Amino acid sequence: MGKSKLDVKREYLNKEKCLSEARRLLRDGAVTGMNEKQLAGEIYFHAAAFYFCEKVRFMPRLREHAYIIDLDDGGDTLMRKAAYAAVWKLAGLKRRRR
């Protein structure tokens, strides 16, 4: 209970891996006040931000900040929670073929 920290891993670009890690954290009581999808969304967002910045060599400070995933009980700020949810949802959209 309290605060957990995870290092970003490439496997966190996979939503199923994020969900699995979220289940583990919740089962172990490492984080409370968030549901599985909220927790997985935060993990996924950090991985997406980190590896995007690494690939395009853009915003090195964001990349540095994204490397450590700080998971507080109850989650992050409302704006950040909205960003995590949006990236989670957008990552599931398929491109239309023209």
C-alpha atoms as a PDB file:
ATOM      1  CA  MET A   1       0.000   0.000   0.000  1.00  0.00           C
ATOM      2  CA  GLY A   2       1.344   3.426  -0.883  1.00  0.00           C
ATOM      3  CA  LYS A   3       3.589   4.061  -3.774  1.00  0.00           C
ATOM      4  CA  SER A   4       5.115   1.664  -6.273  1.00  0.00           C
ATOM      5  CA  LYS A   5       7.721   2.314  -8.917  1.00  0.00           C
ATOM      6  CA  LEU A   6       8.326   0.373 -12.101  1.00  0.00           C
ATOM      7  CA  ASP A   7      10.989   0.798 -14.742  1.00  0.00           C
ATOM      8  CA  VAL A   8       9.603   1.060 -18.254  1.00  0.00           C
ATOM      9  CA  LYS A   9       9.957  -2.136 -20.265  1.00  0.00           C
ATOM     10  CA  ARG A  10       9.355  -2.657 -23.967  1.00  0.00           C
ATOM     11  CA  GLU A  11       6.841  -5.378 -23.062  1.00  0.00           C
ATOM     12  CA  TYR A  12       4.617  -2.640 -21.583  1.00  0.00           C
ATOM     13  CA  LEU A  13       3.808  -1.591 -25.154  1.00  0.00           C
ATOM     14  CA  ASN A  14       1.557  -4.653 -25.096  1.00  0.00           C
ATOM     15  CA  LYS A  15      -1.774  -3.960 -23.413  1.00  0.00           C
ATOM     16  CA  GLU A  16      -2.129  -7.539 -22.175  1.00  0.00           C
ATOM     17  CA  LYS A  17       1.241  -7.270 -20.412  1.00  0.00           C
ATOM     18  CA  CYS A  18       0.090  -4.007 -18.809  1.00  0.00           C
ATOM     19  CA  LEU A  19      -3.131  -5.624 -17.631  1.00  0.00           C
ATOM     20  CA  SER A  20      -1.176  -8.565 -16.225  1.00  0.00           C
ATOM     21  CA  GLU A  21       1.187  -6.242 -14.340  1.00  0.00           C
ATOM     22  CA  ALA A  22      -1.791  -4.233 -13.041  1.00  0.00           C
ATOM     23  CA  ARG A  23      -3.434  -7.415 -11.751  1.00  0.00           C
ATOM     24  CA  ARG A  24      -0.209  -8.387  -9.988  1.00  0.00           C
ATOM     25  CA  LEU A  25       0.160  -4.972  -8.345  1.00  0.00           C
ATOM     26  CA  LEU A  26      -3.451  -5.006  -7.176  1.00  0.00           C
ATOM     27  CA  ARG A  27      -3.252  -8.600  -5.939  1.00  0.00           C
ATOM     28  CA  ASP A  28      -0.080  -7.806  -3.972  1.00  0.00           C
ATOM     29  CA  GLY A  29      -1.675  -4.665  -2.503  1.00  0.00           C
ATOM     30  CA  ALA A  30       1.143  -2.523  -3.929  1.00  0.00           C
ATOM     31  CA  VAL A  31      -1.347   0.070  -5.222  1.00  0.00           C
ATOM     32  CA  THR A  32      -4.885   0.811  -4.073  1.00  0.00           C
ATOM     33  CA  GLY A  33      -7.645   3.144  -5.177  1.00  0.00           C
ATOM     34  CA  MET A  34      -7.320   2.362  -8.880  1.00  0.00           C
ATOM     35  CA  ASN A  35      -8.914  -0.321 -10.966  1.00  0.00           C
ATOM     36  CA  GLU A  36      -7.042  -2.701 -13.239  1.00  0.00           C
ATOM     37  CA  LYS A  37      -7.684  -0.709 -16.424  1.00  0.00           C
ATOM     38  CA  GLN A  38      -6.641   2.617 -14.865  1.00  0.00           C
ATOM     39  CA  LEU A  39      -3.419   1.105 -13.603  1.00  0.00           C
ATOM     40  CA  ALA A  40      -2.701  -0.645 -16.911  1.00  0.00           C
ATOM     41  CA  GLY A  41      -3.404   2.611 -18.760  1.00  0.00           C
ATOM     42  CA  GLU A  42      -0.824   4.491 -16.725  1.00  0.00           C
ATOM     43  CA  ILE A  43       1.784   1.779 -17.312  1.00  0.00           C
ATOM     44  CA  TYR A  44       1.019   1.714 -21.041  1.00  0.00           C
ATOM     45  CA  PHE A  45       1.153   5.515 -21.334  1.00  0.00           C
ATOM     46  CA  HIS A  46       4.621   5.678 -19.787  1.00  0.00           C
ATOM     47  CA  ALA A  47       5.940   2.988 -22.129  1.00  0.00           C
ATOM     48  CA  ALA A  48       4.364   4.637 -25.192  1.00  0.00           C
ATOM     49  CA  ALA A  49       5.775   8.068 -24.261  1.00  0.00           C
ATOM     50  CA  PHE A  50       9.227   6.680 -23.485  1.00  0.00           C
ATOM     51  CA  TYR A  51       9.641   4.616 -26.640  1.00  0.00           C
ATOM     52  CA  PHE A  52       8.042   7.242 -28.905  1.00  0.00           C
ATOM     53  CA  CYS A  53      10.468   9.887 -27.643  1.00  0.00           C
ATOM     54  CA  GLU A  54      13.356   7.454 -28.003  1.00  0.00           C
ATOM     55  CA  LYS A  55      12.444   6.566 -31.571  1.00  0.00           C
ATOM     56  CA  VAL A  56      11.946  10.099 -32.866  1.00  0.00           C
ATOM     57  CA  ARG A  57      14.609  11.634 -30.607  1.00  0.00           C
ATOM     58  CA  PHE A  58      12.081  14.137 -29.397  1.00  0.00           C
ATOM     59  CA  MET A  59      11.516  15.726 -26.006  1.00  0.00           C
ATOM     60  CA  PRO A  60      14.363  14.155 -24.020  1.00  0.00           C
ATOM     61  CA  ARG A  61      12.961  15.485 -20.719  1.00  0.00           C
ATOM     62  CA  LEU A  62       9.640  13.702 -21.321  1.00  0.00           C
ATOM     63  CA  ARG A  63      11.575  10.537 -22.113  1.00  0.00           C
ATOM     64  CA  GLU A  64      13.540  10.856 -18.853  1.00  0.00           C
ATOM     65  CA  HIS A  65      10.368  11.446 -16.864  1.00  0.00           C
ATOM     66  CA  ALA A  66       8.527   8.545 -18.513  1.00  0.00           C
ATOM     67  CA  TYR A  67      11.232   5.980 -17.689  1.00  0.00           C
ATOM     68  CA  ILE A  68      10.139   5.564 -14.075  1.00  0.00           C
ATOM     69  CA  ILE A  69       6.470   4.762 -13.612  1.00  0.00           C
ATOM     70  CA  ASP A  70       5.386   6.196 -10.261  1.00  0.00           C
ATOM     71  CA  LEU A  71       2.142   4.580  -9.182  1.00  0.00           C
ATOM     72  CA  ASP A  72       0.465   6.320  -6.268  1.00  0.00           C
ATOM     73  CA  ASP A  73      -2.584   5.073  -4.418  1.00  0.00           C
ATOM     74  CA  GLY A  74      -5.652   6.601  -6.019  1.00  0.00           C
ATOM     75  CA  GLY A  75      -3.859   7.381  -9.255  1.00  0.00           C
ATOM     76  CA  ASP A  76      -2.584  10.571 -10.774  1.00  0.00           C
ATOM     77  CA  THR A  77      -4.156  13.970 -11.422  1.00  0.00           C
ATOM     78  CA  LEU A  78      -7.441  14.143 -13.281  1.00  0.00           C
ATOM     79  CA  MET A  79      -5.774  15.535 -16.429  1.00  0.00           C
ATOM     80  CA  ARG A  80      -3.145  12.818 -16.480  1.00  0.00           C
ATOM     81  CA  LYS A  81      -5.766  10.120 -15.919  1.00  0.00           C
ATOM     82  CA  ALA A  82      -7.649  11.493 -18.932  1.00  0.00           C
ATOM     83  CA  ALA A  83      -4.454  11.392 -21.022  1.00  0.00           C
ATOM     84  CA  TYR A  84      -3.728   7.793 -19.953  1.00  0.00           C
ATOM     85  CA  ALA A  85      -7.272   6.735 -20.864  1.00  0.00           C
ATOM     86  CA  ALA A  86      -7.135   8.526 -24.237  1.00  0.00           C
ATOM     87  CA  VAL A  87      -3.834   6.931 -25.257  1.00  0.00           C
ATOM     88  CA  TRP A  88      -5.107   3.510 -24.151  1.00  0.00           C
ATOM     89  CA  LYS A  89      -8.216   3.920 -26.269  1.00  0.00           C
ATOM     90  CA  LEU A  90      -6.472   5.434 -29.307  1.00  0.00           C
ATOM     91  CA  ALA A  91      -3.893   2.651 -29.347  1.00  0.00           C
ATOM     92  CA  GLY A  92      -6.691   0.173 -30.021  1.00  0.00           C
ATOM     93  CA  LEU A  93      -8.010   1.922 -33.109  1.00  0.00           C
ATOM     94  CA  LYS A  94      -7.282   0.360 -36.454  1.00  0.00           C
ATOM     95  CA  ARG A  95      -6.352   2.415 -39.491  1.00  0.00           C
ATOM     96  CA  ARG A  96      -8.768   2.479 -42.376  1.00  0.00           C
ATOM     97  CA  ARG A  97      -7.416   1.330 -45.691  1.00  0.00           C
ATOM     98  CA  ARG A  98      -8.003   3.650 -48.588  1.00  0.00           C
END
